[in-house]
Full PDB file with SEQRES, HELIX, SHEET, SSBOND, CRYST1, ORIGX, SCALE, CONECT and MASTER records, all heavy atoms in Angstrom:
SEQRES   1 A   29  VAL ASP ALA LYS VAL ARG GLU GLU LEU ARG HIS TRP LEU          
SEQRES   2 A   29  ARG ARG LEU HIS ASP GLU VAL HIS VAL THR SER ILE PHE          
SEQRES   3 A   29  VAL THR HIS                                                  
HELIX    1 AA1 ALA A    3  VAL A   20  1                                  18    
CRYST1    1.000    1.000    1.000  90.00  90.00  90.00 P 1           1          
ORIGX1      1.000000  0.000000  0.000000        0.00000                         
ORIGX2      0.000000  1.000000  0.000000        0.00000                         
ORIGX3      0.000000  0.000000  1.000000        0.00000                         
SCALE1      1.000000  0.000000  0.000000        0.00000                         
SCALE2      0.000000  1.000000  0.000000        0.00000                         
SCALE3      0.000000  0.000000  1.000000        0.00000                         
ATOM      1  N   VAL A   1     -13.516  62.757 -13.610  1.00  0.00           N  
ATOM      2  CA  VAL A   1     -13.756  62.540 -15.055  1.00  0.00           C  
ATOM      3  C   VAL A   1     -15.211  62.686 -15.360  1.00  0.00           C  
ATOM      4  O   VAL A   1     -16.093  62.641 -14.431  1.00  0.00           O  
ATOM      5  CB  VAL A   1     -13.224  61.171 -15.487  1.00  0.00           C  
ATOM      6  CG1 VAL A   1     -11.699  61.109 -15.282  1.00  0.00           C  
ATOM      7  CG2 VAL A   1     -13.908  60.019 -14.773  1.00  0.00           C  
ATOM      8  N   ASP A   2     -15.553  62.876 -16.631  1.00  0.00           N  
ATOM      9  CA  ASP A   2     -16.933  63.099 -16.999  1.00  0.00           C  
ATOM     10  C   ASP A   2     -17.730  61.802 -16.912  1.00  0.00           C  
ATOM     11  O   ASP A   2     -17.119  60.653 -16.850  1.00  0.00           O  
ATOM     12  CB  ASP A   2     -17.001  63.826 -18.349  1.00  0.00           C  
ATOM     13  CG  ASP A   2     -16.431  62.997 -19.447  1.00  0.00           C  
ATOM     14  OD1 ASP A   2     -16.737  61.778 -19.572  1.00  0.00           O  
ATOM     15  OD2 ASP A   2     -15.707  63.541 -20.325  1.00  0.00           O  
ATOM     16  N   ALA A   3     -19.009  61.891 -17.099  1.00  0.00           N  
ATOM     17  CA  ALA A   3     -19.944  60.804 -16.938  1.00  0.00           C  
ATOM     18  C   ALA A   3     -19.640  59.645 -17.808  1.00  0.00           C  
ATOM     19  O   ALA A   3     -19.649  58.439 -17.327  1.00  0.00           O  
ATOM     20  CB  ALA A   3     -21.361  61.207 -17.004  1.00  0.00           C  
ATOM     21  N   LYS A   4     -19.362  59.855 -19.133  1.00  0.00           N  
ATOM     22  CA  LYS A   4     -19.136  58.812 -20.007  1.00  0.00           C  
ATOM     23  C   LYS A   4     -17.792  58.094 -19.708  1.00  0.00           C  
ATOM     24  O   LYS A   4     -17.831  56.841 -19.663  1.00  0.00           O  
ATOM     25  CB  LYS A   4     -19.054  59.423 -21.438  1.00  0.00           C  
ATOM     26  CG  LYS A   4     -18.861  58.360 -22.536  1.00  0.00           C  
ATOM     27  CD  LYS A   4     -19.959  57.429 -22.631  1.00  0.00           C  
ATOM     28  CE  LYS A   4     -19.805  56.432 -23.812  1.00  0.00           C  
ATOM     29  NZ  LYS A   4     -20.845  55.418 -23.880  1.00  0.00           N  
ATOM     30  N   VAL A   5     -16.773  58.817 -19.439  1.00  0.00           N  
ATOM     31  CA  VAL A   5     -15.505  58.278 -19.074  1.00  0.00           C  
ATOM     32  C   VAL A   5     -15.605  57.471 -17.746  1.00  0.00           C  
ATOM     33  O   VAL A   5     -15.007  56.365 -17.580  1.00  0.00           O  
ATOM     34  CB  VAL A   5     -14.329  59.284 -19.001  1.00  0.00           C  
ATOM     35  CG1 VAL A   5     -13.060  58.701 -18.499  1.00  0.00           C  
ATOM     36  CG2 VAL A   5     -14.140  59.875 -20.379  1.00  0.00           C  
ATOM     37  N   ARG A   6     -16.353  58.019 -16.896  1.00  0.00           N  
ATOM     38  CA  ARG A   6     -16.568  57.399 -15.585  1.00  0.00           C  
ATOM     39  C   ARG A   6     -17.177  56.026 -15.705  1.00  0.00           C  
ATOM     40  O   ARG A   6     -16.773  55.007 -15.113  1.00  0.00           O  
ATOM     41  CB  ARG A   6     -17.495  58.255 -14.633  1.00  0.00           C  
ATOM     42  CG  ARG A   6     -17.588  57.944 -13.268  1.00  0.00           C  
ATOM     43  CD  ARG A   6     -18.566  58.856 -12.532  1.00  0.00           C  
ATOM     44  NE  ARG A   6     -18.618  58.604 -11.144  1.00  0.00           N  
ATOM     45  CZ  ARG A   6     -18.218  59.422 -10.158  1.00  0.00           C  
ATOM     46  NH1 ARG A   6     -17.692  60.592 -10.513  1.00  0.00           N  
ATOM     47  NH2 ARG A   6     -18.344  59.078  -8.891  1.00  0.00           N  
ATOM     48  N   GLU A   7     -18.253  55.894 -16.569  1.00  0.00           N  
ATOM     49  CA  GLU A   7     -18.825  54.565 -16.848  1.00  0.00           C  
ATOM     50  C   GLU A   7     -17.848  53.664 -17.446  1.00  0.00           C  
ATOM     51  O   GLU A   7     -17.842  52.407 -17.031  1.00  0.00           O  
ATOM     52  CB  GLU A   7     -20.062  54.822 -17.815  1.00  0.00           C  
ATOM     53  CG  GLU A   7     -20.780  53.503 -17.999  1.00  0.00           C  
ATOM     54  CD  GLU A   7     -22.072  53.759 -18.827  1.00  0.00           C  
ATOM     55  OE1 GLU A   7     -22.338  54.910 -19.184  1.00  0.00           O  
ATOM     56  OE2 GLU A   7     -22.715  52.670 -19.189  1.00  0.00           O  
ATOM     57  N   GLU A   8     -16.970  54.073 -18.409  1.00  0.00           N  
ATOM     58  CA  GLU A   8     -16.008  53.159 -18.982  1.00  0.00           C  
ATOM     59  C   GLU A   8     -15.008  52.721 -17.952  1.00  0.00           C  
ATOM     60  O   GLU A   8     -14.651  51.494 -17.966  1.00  0.00           O  
ATOM     61  CB  GLU A   8     -15.309  53.892 -20.105  1.00  0.00           C  
ATOM     62  CG  GLU A   8     -16.183  54.223 -21.309  1.00  0.00           C  
ATOM     63  CD  GLU A   8     -15.546  55.127 -22.348  1.00  0.00           C  
ATOM     64  OE1 GLU A   8     -14.380  55.620 -22.006  1.00  0.00           O  
ATOM     65  OE2 GLU A   8     -16.136  55.354 -23.396  1.00  0.00           O  
ATOM     66  N   LEU A   9     -14.576  53.600 -17.009  1.00  0.00           N  
ATOM     67  CA  LEU A   9     -13.601  53.266 -16.003  1.00  0.00           C  
ATOM     68  C   LEU A   9     -14.148  52.278 -15.025  1.00  0.00           C  
ATOM     69  O   LEU A   9     -13.434  51.407 -14.553  1.00  0.00           O  
ATOM     70  CB  LEU A   9     -13.089  54.488 -15.356  1.00  0.00           C  
ATOM     71  CG  LEU A   9     -12.107  55.425 -16.131  1.00  0.00           C  
ATOM     72  CD1 LEU A   9     -11.834  56.656 -15.406  1.00  0.00           C  
ATOM     73  CD2 LEU A   9     -10.782  54.607 -16.436  1.00  0.00           C  
ATOM     74  N   ARG A  10     -15.458  52.363 -14.748  1.00  0.00           N  
ATOM     75  CA  ARG A  10     -16.109  51.419 -13.801  1.00  0.00           C  
ATOM     76  C   ARG A  10     -15.894  49.996 -14.360  1.00  0.00           C  
ATOM     77  O   ARG A  10     -15.509  49.063 -13.608  1.00  0.00           O  
ATOM     78  CB  ARG A  10     -17.562  51.697 -13.696  1.00  0.00           C  
ATOM     79  CG  ARG A  10     -18.001  52.961 -12.928  1.00  0.00           C  
ATOM     80  CD  ARG A  10     -19.414  53.150 -13.039  1.00  0.00           C  
ATOM     81  NE  ARG A  10     -19.865  54.414 -12.592  1.00  0.00           N  
ATOM     82  CZ  ARG A  10     -21.044  54.939 -12.831  1.00  0.00           C  
ATOM     83  NH1 ARG A  10     -21.902  54.316 -13.571  1.00  0.00           N  
ATOM     84  NH2 ARG A  10     -21.330  56.089 -12.321  1.00  0.00           N  
ATOM     85  N   HIS A  11     -16.317  49.783 -15.633  1.00  0.00           N  
ATOM     86  CA  HIS A  11     -16.226  48.499 -16.313  1.00  0.00           C  
ATOM     87  C   HIS A  11     -14.753  48.033 -16.307  1.00  0.00           C  
ATOM     88  O   HIS A  11     -14.430  46.867 -16.116  1.00  0.00           O  
ATOM     89  CB  HIS A  11     -16.869  48.507 -17.633  1.00  0.00           C  
ATOM     90  CG  HIS A  11     -18.284  48.818 -17.691  1.00  0.00           C  
ATOM     91  ND1 HIS A  11     -19.221  48.095 -16.932  1.00  0.00           N  
ATOM     92  CD2 HIS A  11     -19.071  49.766 -18.298  1.00  0.00           C  
ATOM     93  CE1 HIS A  11     -20.437  48.541 -17.115  1.00  0.00           C  
ATOM     94  NE2 HIS A  11     -20.312  49.608 -17.911  1.00  0.00           N  
ATOM     95  N   TRP A  12     -13.925  48.945 -16.657  1.00  0.00           N  
ATOM     96  CA  TRP A  12     -12.480  48.636 -16.685  1.00  0.00           C  
ATOM     97  C   TRP A  12     -11.939  48.197 -15.374  1.00  0.00           C  
ATOM     98  O   TRP A  12     -11.127  47.196 -15.214  1.00  0.00           O  
ATOM     99  CB  TRP A  12     -11.735  49.819 -17.246  1.00  0.00           C  
ATOM    100  CG  TRP A  12     -10.265  49.707 -17.312  1.00  0.00           C  
ATOM    101  CD1 TRP A  12      -9.518  49.020 -18.293  1.00  0.00           C  
ATOM    102  CD2 TRP A  12      -9.359  50.103 -16.342  1.00  0.00           C  
ATOM    103  NE1 TRP A  12      -8.248  49.033 -18.029  1.00  0.00           N  
ATOM    104  CE2 TRP A  12      -8.038  49.725 -16.867  1.00  0.00           C  
ATOM    105  CE3 TRP A  12      -9.441  50.820 -15.156  1.00  0.00           C  
ATOM    106  CZ2 TRP A  12      -6.935  49.979 -16.169  1.00  0.00           C  
ATOM    107  CZ3 TRP A  12      -8.302  51.116 -14.459  1.00  0.00           C  
ATOM    108  CH2 TRP A  12      -7.067  50.682 -14.965  1.00  0.00           C  
ATOM    109  N   LEU A  13     -12.307  48.921 -14.298  1.00  0.00           N  
ATOM    110  CA  LEU A  13     -11.842  48.519 -12.923  1.00  0.00           C  
ATOM    111  C   LEU A  13     -12.329  47.130 -12.569  1.00  0.00           C  
ATOM    112  O   LEU A  13     -11.550  46.322 -11.973  1.00  0.00           O  
ATOM    113  CB  LEU A  13     -12.291  49.559 -11.894  1.00  0.00           C  
ATOM    114  CG  LEU A  13     -11.889  49.209 -10.399  1.00  0.00           C  
ATOM    115  CD1 LEU A  13     -10.420  49.173 -10.299  1.00  0.00           C  
ATOM    116  CD2 LEU A  13     -12.485  50.304  -9.509  1.00  0.00           C  
ATOM    117  N   ARG A  14     -13.506  46.800 -12.912  1.00  0.00           N  
ATOM    118  CA  ARG A  14     -14.086  45.495 -12.567  1.00  0.00           C  
ATOM    119  C   ARG A  14     -13.272  44.404 -13.322  1.00  0.00           C  
ATOM    120  O   ARG A  14     -12.937  43.386 -12.706  1.00  0.00           O  
ATOM    121  CB  ARG A  14     -15.508  45.423 -12.980  1.00  0.00           C  
ATOM    122  CG  ARG A  14     -16.247  44.132 -12.610  1.00  0.00           C  
ATOM    123  CD  ARG A  14     -16.396  43.886 -11.151  1.00  0.00           C  
ATOM    124  NE  ARG A  14     -15.610  42.710 -10.723  1.00  0.00           N  
ATOM    125  CZ  ARG A  14     -15.645  42.279  -9.483  1.00  0.00           C  
ATOM    126  NH1 ARG A  14     -16.404  42.814  -8.579  1.00  0.00           N  
ATOM    127  NH2 ARG A  14     -14.901  41.234  -9.085  1.00  0.00           N  
ATOM    128  N   ARG A  15     -13.030  44.660 -14.592  1.00  0.00           N  
ATOM    129  CA  ARG A  15     -12.326  43.624 -15.365  1.00  0.00           C  
ATOM    130  C   ARG A  15     -10.838  43.498 -14.862  1.00  0.00           C  
ATOM    131  O   ARG A  15     -10.258  42.442 -14.775  1.00  0.00           O  
ATOM    132  CB  ARG A  15     -12.248  44.042 -16.881  1.00  0.00           C  
ATOM    133  CG  ARG A  15     -13.606  43.926 -17.505  1.00  0.00           C  
ATOM    134  CD  ARG A  15     -13.394  43.953 -19.050  1.00  0.00           C  
ATOM    135  NE  ARG A  15     -12.704  45.149 -19.473  1.00  0.00           N  
ATOM    136  CZ  ARG A  15     -13.373  46.254 -19.870  1.00  0.00           C  
ATOM    137  NH1 ARG A  15     -14.668  46.369 -19.845  1.00  0.00           N  
ATOM    138  NH2 ARG A  15     -12.600  47.329 -20.294  1.00  0.00           N  
ATOM    139  N   LEU A  16     -10.266  44.716 -14.499  1.00  0.00           N  
ATOM    140  CA  LEU A  16      -8.907  44.678 -13.977  1.00  0.00           C  
ATOM    141  C   LEU A  16      -8.822  43.830 -12.684  1.00  0.00           C  
ATOM    142  O   LEU A  16      -7.961  43.077 -12.439  1.00  0.00           O  
ATOM    143  CB  LEU A  16      -8.450  46.129 -13.689  1.00  0.00           C  
ATOM    144  CG  LEU A  16      -7.076  46.269 -12.971  1.00  0.00           C  
ATOM    145  CD1 LEU A  16      -5.960  45.809 -13.892  1.00  0.00           C  
ATOM    146  CD2 LEU A  16      -6.892  47.705 -12.558  1.00  0.00           C  
ATOM    147  N   HIS A  17      -9.810  44.062 -11.827  1.00  0.00           N  
ATOM    148  CA  HIS A  17      -9.830  43.301 -10.511  1.00  0.00           C  
ATOM    149  C   HIS A  17      -9.945  41.804 -10.768  1.00  0.00           C  
ATOM    150  O   HIS A  17      -9.342  41.020 -10.118  1.00  0.00           O  
ATOM    151  CB  HIS A  17     -10.968  43.848  -9.642  1.00  0.00           C  
ATOM    152  CG  HIS A  17     -10.964  43.139  -8.310  1.00  0.00           C  
ATOM    153  ND1 HIS A  17     -11.764  41.993  -8.110  1.00  0.00           N  
ATOM    154  CD2 HIS A  17     -10.330  43.311  -7.151  1.00  0.00           C  
ATOM    155  CE1 HIS A  17     -11.602  41.566  -6.865  1.00  0.00           C  
ATOM    156  NE2 HIS A  17     -10.758  42.353  -6.270  1.00  0.00           N  
ATOM    157  N   ASP A  18     -10.741  41.427 -11.759  1.00  0.00           N  
ATOM    158  CA  ASP A  18     -10.908  40.031 -12.076  1.00  0.00           C  
ATOM    159  C   ASP A  18      -9.658  39.436 -12.571  1.00  0.00           C  
ATOM    160  O   ASP A  18      -9.442  38.211 -12.415  1.00  0.00           O  
ATOM    161  CB  ASP A  18     -12.102  39.857 -13.064  1.00  0.00           C  
ATOM    162  CG  ASP A  18     -13.406  40.189 -12.463  1.00  0.00           C  
ATOM    163  OD1 ASP A  18     -13.588  40.197 -11.261  1.00  0.00           O  
ATOM    164  OD2 ASP A  18     -14.402  40.421 -13.252  1.00  0.00           O  
ATOM    165  N   GLU A  19      -8.781  40.290 -13.107  1.00  0.00           N  
ATOM    166  CA  GLU A  19      -7.504  39.740 -13.624  1.00  0.00           C  
ATOM    167  C   GLU A  19      -6.418  39.635 -12.485  1.00  0.00           C  
ATOM    168  O   GLU A  19      -5.665  38.676 -12.450  1.00  0.00           O  
ATOM    169  CB  GLU A  19      -7.055  40.569 -14.810  1.00  0.00           C  
ATOM    170  CG  GLU A  19      -7.813  40.451 -16.098  1.00  0.00           C  
ATOM    171  CD  GLU A  19      -7.143  41.193 -17.194  1.00  0.00           C  
ATOM    172  OE1 GLU A  19      -5.897  41.245 -17.284  1.00  0.00           O  
ATOM    173  OE2 GLU A  19      -7.892  41.774 -18.052  1.00  0.00           O  
ATOM    174  N   VAL A  20      -6.304  40.645 -11.738  1.00  0.00           N  
ATOM    175  CA  VAL A  20      -5.170  40.802 -10.772  1.00  0.00           C  
ATOM    176  C   VAL A  20      -5.590  40.249  -9.353  1.00  0.00           C  
ATOM    177  O   VAL A  20      -4.708  39.807  -8.529  1.00  0.00           O  
ATOM    178  CB  VAL A  20      -4.632  42.200 -10.642  1.00  0.00           C  
ATOM    179  CG1 VAL A  20      -4.147  42.653 -11.979  1.00  0.00           C  
ATOM    180  CG2 VAL A  20      -5.703  43.171 -10.118  1.00  0.00           C  
ATOM    181  N   HIS A  21      -6.905  40.267  -8.977  1.00  0.00           N  
ATOM    182  CA  HIS A  21      -7.379  39.691  -7.749  1.00  0.00           C  
ATOM    183  C   HIS A  21      -6.796  40.297  -6.534  1.00  0.00           C  
ATOM    184  O   HIS A  21      -6.710  39.620  -5.512  1.00  0.00           O  
ATOM    185  CB  HIS A  21      -7.188  38.205  -7.722  1.00  0.00           C  
ATOM    186  CG  HIS A  21      -7.922  37.469  -8.825  1.00  0.00           C  
ATOM    187  ND1 HIS A  21      -9.275  37.340  -8.883  1.00  0.00           N  
ATOM    188  CD2 HIS A  21      -7.474  36.792  -9.944  1.00  0.00           C  
ATOM    189  CE1 HIS A  21      -9.697  36.768  -9.970  1.00  0.00           C  
ATOM    190  NE2 HIS A  21      -8.611  36.357 -10.606  1.00  0.00           N  
ATOM    191  N   VAL A  22      -6.254  41.527  -6.550  1.00  0.00           N  
ATOM    192  CA  VAL A  22      -5.778  42.134  -5.366  1.00  0.00           C  
ATOM    193  C   VAL A  22      -6.976  42.593  -4.502  1.00  0.00           C  
ATOM    194  O   VAL A  22      -7.909  43.075  -5.053  1.00  0.00           O  
ATOM    195  CB  VAL A  22      -4.824  43.306  -5.719  1.00  0.00           C  
ATOM    196  CG1 VAL A  22      -5.508  44.410  -6.390  1.00  0.00           C  
ATOM    197  CG2 VAL A  22      -4.157  43.867  -4.424  1.00  0.00           C  
ATOM    198  N   THR A  23      -6.864  42.419  -3.152  1.00  0.00           N  
ATOM    199  CA  THR A  23      -7.923  42.874  -2.216  1.00  0.00           C  
ATOM    200  C   THR A  23      -8.104  44.411  -2.428  1.00  0.00           C  
ATOM    201  O   THR A  23      -7.080  45.064  -2.273  1.00  0.00           O  
ATOM    202  CB  THR A  23      -7.528  42.514  -0.805  1.00  0.00           C  
ATOM    203  OG1 THR A  23      -7.325  41.127  -0.736  1.00  0.00           O  
ATOM    204  CG2 THR A  23      -8.642  42.917   0.185  1.00  0.00           C  
ATOM    205  N   SER A  24      -9.298  44.831  -2.638  1.00  0.00           N  
ATOM    206  CA  SER A  24      -9.488  46.290  -3.006  1.00  0.00           C  
ATOM    207  C   SER A  24     -10.691  46.853  -2.286  1.00  0.00           C  
ATOM    208  O   SER A  24     -11.682  46.216  -2.143  1.00  0.00           O  
ATOM    209  CB  SER A  24      -9.651  46.386  -4.535  1.00  0.00           C  
ATOM    210  OG  SER A  24      -8.660  45.835  -5.257  1.00  0.00           O  
ATOM    211  N   ILE A  25     -10.461  48.103  -1.941  1.00  0.00           N  
ATOM    212  CA  ILE A  25     -11.631  48.937  -1.334  1.00  0.00           C  
ATOM    213  C   ILE A  25     -11.634  50.245  -2.111  1.00  0.00           C  
ATOM    214  O   ILE A  25     -10.654  50.910  -2.241  1.00  0.00           O  
ATOM    215  CB  ILE A  25     -11.401  49.251   0.111  1.00  0.00           C  
ATOM    216  CG1 ILE A  25     -11.259  47.939   0.955  1.00  0.00           C  
ATOM    217  CG2 ILE A  25     -12.616  49.983   0.745  1.00  0.00           C  
ATOM    218  CD1 ILE A  25     -10.947  48.197   2.402  1.00  0.00           C  
ATOM    219  N   PHE A  26     -12.767  50.710  -2.600  1.00  0.00           N  
ATOM    220  CA  PHE A  26     -12.904  51.955  -3.173  1.00  0.00           C  
ATOM    221  C   PHE A  26     -13.987  52.779  -2.557  1.00  0.00           C  
ATOM    222  O   PHE A  26     -15.072  52.188  -2.199  1.00  0.00           O  
ATOM    223  CB  PHE A  26     -13.025  51.947  -4.645  1.00  0.00           C  
ATOM    224  CG  PHE A  26     -14.386  51.448  -5.248  1.00  0.00           C  
ATOM    225  CD1 PHE A  26     -15.338  52.423  -5.659  1.00  0.00           C  
ATOM    226  CD2 PHE A  26     -14.682  50.177  -5.358  1.00  0.00           C  
ATOM    227  CE1 PHE A  26     -16.536  51.958  -6.199  1.00  0.00           C  
ATOM    228  CE2 PHE A  26     -15.881  49.678  -5.857  1.00  0.00           C  
ATOM    229  CZ  PHE A  26     -16.831  50.644  -6.276  1.00  0.00           C  
ATOM    230  N   VAL A  27     -13.847  54.016  -2.396  1.00  0.00           N  
ATOM    231  CA  VAL A  27     -14.759  54.908  -1.785  1.00  0.00           C  
ATOM    232  C   VAL A  27     -15.597  55.674  -2.914  1.00  0.00           C  
ATOM    233  O   VAL A  27     -14.970  56.063  -3.941  1.00  0.00           O  
ATOM    234  CB  VAL A  27     -14.069  56.016  -0.910  1.00  0.00           C  
ATOM    235  CG1 VAL A  27     -14.899  57.206  -0.697  1.00  0.00           C  
ATOM    236  CG2 VAL A  27     -13.530  55.383   0.352  1.00  0.00           C  
ATOM    237  N   THR A  28     -16.857  55.774  -2.742  1.00  0.00           N  
ATOM    238  CA  THR A  28     -17.727  56.450  -3.679  1.00  0.00           C  
ATOM    239  C   THR A  28     -18.959  56.940  -3.014  1.00  0.00           C  
ATOM    240  O   THR A  28     -19.416  56.441  -2.050  1.00  0.00           O  
ATOM    241  CB  THR A  28     -18.048  55.587  -4.882  1.00  0.00           C  
ATOM    242  OG1 THR A  28     -18.824  56.305  -5.822  1.00  0.00           O  
ATOM    243  CG2 THR A  28     -18.861  54.365  -4.474  1.00  0.00           C  
ATOM    244  N   HIS A  29     -19.577  58.060  -3.536  1.00  0.00           N  
ATOM    245  CA  HIS A  29     -20.880  58.499  -3.104  1.00  0.00           C  
ATOM    246  C   HIS A  29     -21.939  58.082  -4.164  1.00  0.00           C  
ATOM    247  O   HIS A  29     -23.122  58.388  -4.045  1.00  0.00           O  
ATOM    248  CB  HIS A  29     -20.944  59.968  -2.844  1.00  0.00           C  
ATOM    249  CG  HIS A  29     -20.595  60.768  -4.049  1.00  0.00           C  
ATOM    250  ND1 HIS A  29     -19.395  61.214  -4.383  1.00  0.00           N  
ATOM    251  CD2 HIS A  29     -21.420  61.291  -4.952  1.00  0.00           C  
ATOM    252  CE1 HIS A  29     -19.368  61.938  -5.451  1.00  0.00           C  
ATOM    253  NE2 HIS A  29     -20.609  61.937  -5.904  1.00  0.00           N  
TER     254      HIS A  29                                                      
MASTER        0    0    0    1    0    0    0    6  253    1    0    3          
END                                                                             
């Protein structure tokens, strides 16, 4: 995804994790 959407998805993933608390690993460079 493009840079703007990427930034939005980052915040969204963090909020999602705080809600569901599933053990998670993500790969990134």
